[in-house]
Amino acid sequence: DLLTLIKSPLITEKSVSLVNRALNRKQYSFIVDKSMTKEEIKYVIEKIFNVKIFKINTMILPRKKKRVGKFIGNKAVYKKAYISLNEG
């Protein structure tokens, strides 16, 4: 199923400003499955949202330590995808 590969949209101050840019090319950001390649991300996004993609930037965020009281653990590692759409 294609919808399970896209975990969620990434809603941050930076991602909202990228969507609301005055330029013609808008960027959207998603949290995707860590094993997906750029070609797979492009195929899934184009099929789900019926858009044409210009460029994809991806990054896997490093593991970060989190502390809750006396317990130390790690935040989950995830992959972000910034997707630039064609003009129009």
C-alpha atoms as a PDB file:
ATOM      1  CA  ASP A   1       0.000   0.000   0.000  1.00  0.00           C
ATOM      2  CA  LEU A   2       1.422   3.377  -1.023  1.00  0.00           C
ATOM      3  CA  LEU A   3       0.009   5.329   1.904  1.00  0.00           C
ATOM      4  CA  THR A   4       1.978   3.312   4.461  1.00  0.00           C
ATOM      5  CA  LEU A   5       5.300   4.408   2.918  1.00  0.00           C
ATOM      6  CA  ILE A   6       4.602   8.086   3.637  1.00  0.00           C
ATOM      7  CA  LYS A   7       4.492   8.286   7.439  1.00  0.00           C
ATOM      8  CA  SER A   8       3.206  11.859   7.876  1.00  0.00           C
ATOM      9  CA  PRO A   9       3.593  15.419   6.638  1.00  0.00           C
ATOM     10  CA  LEU A  10       6.266  17.370   8.490  1.00  0.00           C
ATOM     11  CA  ILE A  11       4.725  20.487  10.010  1.00  0.00           C
ATOM     12  CA  THR A  12       7.380  22.859  11.336  1.00  0.00           C
ATOM     13  CA  GLU A  13       7.982  26.580  11.061  1.00  0.00           C
ATOM     14  CA  LYS A  14      10.493  25.990   8.277  1.00  0.00           C
ATOM     15  CA  SER A  15       8.230  23.664   6.279  1.00  0.00           C
ATOM     16  CA  VAL A  16       5.277  26.062   6.486  1.00  0.00           C
ATOM     17  CA  SER A  17       7.458  28.918   5.208  1.00  0.00           C
ATOM     18  CA  LEU A  18       8.617  26.740   2.285  1.00  0.00           C
ATOM     19  CA  VAL A  19       5.007  26.103   1.249  1.00  0.00           C
ATOM     20  CA  ASN A  20       4.060  29.785   1.480  1.00  0.00           C
ATOM     21  CA  ARG A  21       6.977  31.073  -0.586  1.00  0.00           C
ATOM     22  CA  ALA A  22       6.343  33.844  -3.095  1.00  0.00           C
ATOM     23  CA  LEU A  23       8.301  31.985  -5.782  1.00  0.00           C
ATOM     24  CA  ASN A  24       6.607  29.655  -8.259  1.00  0.00           C
ATOM     25  CA  ARG A  25       8.223  26.473  -6.928  1.00  0.00           C
ATOM     26  CA  LYS A  26       6.634  25.288  -3.694  1.00  0.00           C
ATOM     27  CA  GLN A  27       8.224  22.739  -1.383  1.00  0.00           C
ATOM     28  CA  TYR A  28       6.469  20.214   0.815  1.00  0.00           C
ATOM     29  CA  SER A  29       8.057  18.051   3.479  1.00  0.00           C
ATOM     30  CA  PHE A  30       7.179  14.537   4.607  1.00  0.00           C
ATOM     31  CA  ILE A  31       8.492  11.906   6.988  1.00  0.00           C
ATOM     32  CA  VAL A  32       8.982   8.804   4.857  1.00  0.00           C
ATOM     33  CA  ASP A  33      10.069   5.199   5.336  1.00  0.00           C
ATOM     34  CA  LYS A  34      13.816   5.074   5.988  1.00  0.00           C
ATOM     35  CA  SER A  35      14.499   2.482   3.293  1.00  0.00           C
ATOM     36  CA  MET A  36      12.896   4.435   0.418  1.00  0.00           C
ATOM     37  CA  THR A  37      15.024   5.893  -2.377  1.00  0.00           C
ATOM     38  CA  LYS A  38      14.383   9.215  -4.124  1.00  0.00           C
ATOM     39  CA  GLU A  39      12.900   7.427  -7.138  1.00  0.00           C
ATOM     40  CA  GLU A  40      10.473   5.488  -4.934  1.00  0.00           C
ATOM     41  CA  ILE A  41       9.463   8.652  -3.048  1.00  0.00           C
ATOM     42  CA  LYS A  42       8.856  10.432  -6.357  1.00  0.00           C
ATOM     43  CA  TYR A  43       6.687   7.589  -7.669  1.00  0.00           C
ATOM     44  CA  VAL A  44       4.589   7.391  -4.484  1.00  0.00           C
ATOM     45  CA  ILE A  45       4.011  11.157  -4.156  1.00  0.00           C
ATOM     46  CA  GLU A  46       3.110  11.528  -7.837  1.00  0.00           C
ATOM     47  CA  LYS A  47       0.608   8.648  -7.608  1.00  0.00           C
ATOM     48  CA  ILE A  48      -1.032   9.765  -4.345  1.00  0.00           C
ATOM     49  CA  PHE A  49      -1.288  13.528  -4.964  1.00  0.00           C
ATOM     50  CA  ASN A  50      -1.348  13.597  -8.802  1.00  0.00           C
ATOM     51  CA  VAL A  51       1.440  16.212  -9.097  1.00  0.00           C
ATOM     52  CA  LYS A  52       4.688  16.549 -11.062  1.00  0.00           C
ATOM     53  CA  ILE A  53       7.850  16.661  -8.959  1.00  0.00           C
ATOM     54  CA  PHE A  54      10.838  18.812  -9.901  1.00  0.00           C
ATOM     55  CA  LYS A  55      13.369  17.817  -7.217  1.00  0.00           C
ATOM     56  CA  ILE A  56      13.633  15.776  -4.012  1.00  0.00           C
ATOM     57  CA  ASN A  57      16.049  16.361  -1.124  1.00  0.00           C
ATOM     58  CA  THR A  58      16.260  13.677   1.560  1.00  0.00           C
ATOM     59  CA  MET A  59      18.053  13.366   4.856  1.00  0.00           C
ATOM     60  CA  ILE A  60      18.258  10.765   7.594  1.00  0.00           C
ATOM     61  CA  LEU A  61      18.426  12.505  10.939  1.00  0.00           C
ATOM     62  CA  PRO A  62      21.017  11.276  13.451  1.00  0.00           C
ATOM     63  CA  ARG A  63      20.073   9.440  16.623  1.00  0.00           C
ATOM     64  CA  LYS A  64      19.662  11.833  19.576  1.00  0.00           C
ATOM     65  CA  LYS A  65      19.798  11.050  23.281  1.00  0.00           C
ATOM     66  CA  LYS A  66      16.704  11.821  25.347  1.00  0.00           C
ATOM     67  CA  ARG A  67      16.452  11.748  29.094  1.00  0.00           C
ATOM     68  CA  VAL A  68      13.295  11.227  31.126  1.00  0.00           C
ATOM     69  CA  GLY A  69      14.140  11.427  34.815  1.00  0.00           C
ATOM     70  CA  LYS A  70      16.978   9.042  35.508  1.00  0.00           C
ATOM     71  CA  PHE A  71      16.382   7.002  32.331  1.00  0.00           C
ATOM     72  CA  ILE A  72      18.382   7.723  29.179  1.00  0.00           C
ATOM     73  CA  GLY A  73      17.100   6.573  25.808  1.00  0.00           C
ATOM     74  CA  ASN A  74      17.315   7.455  22.146  1.00  0.00           C
ATOM     75  CA  LYS A  75      14.891   9.217  19.863  1.00  0.00           C
ATOM     76  CA  ALA A  76      13.794   7.246  16.841  1.00  0.00           C
ATOM     77  CA  VAL A  77      15.755   7.739  13.625  1.00  0.00           C
ATOM     78  CA  TYR A  78      13.632   8.941  10.706  1.00  0.00           C
ATOM     79  CA  LYS A  79      13.993  10.185   7.144  1.00  0.00           C
ATOM     80  CA  LYS A  80      12.773  13.582   5.921  1.00  0.00           C
ATOM     81  CA  ALA A  81      11.975  14.317   2.290  1.00  0.00           C
ATOM     82  CA  TYR A  82      11.705  17.876   0.947  1.00  0.00           C
ATOM     83  CA  ILE A  83       9.780  17.794  -2.341  1.00  0.00           C
ATOM     84  CA  SER A  84       9.855  20.658  -4.874  1.00  0.00           C
ATOM     85  CA  LEU A  85       6.962  20.737  -7.306  1.00  0.00           C
ATOM     86  CA  ASN A  86       6.984  21.953 -10.885  1.00  0.00           C
ATOM     87  CA  GLU A  87       5.675  25.448 -11.482  1.00  0.00           C
ATOM     88  CA  GLY A  88       1.986  25.812 -12.008  1.00  0.00           C
END
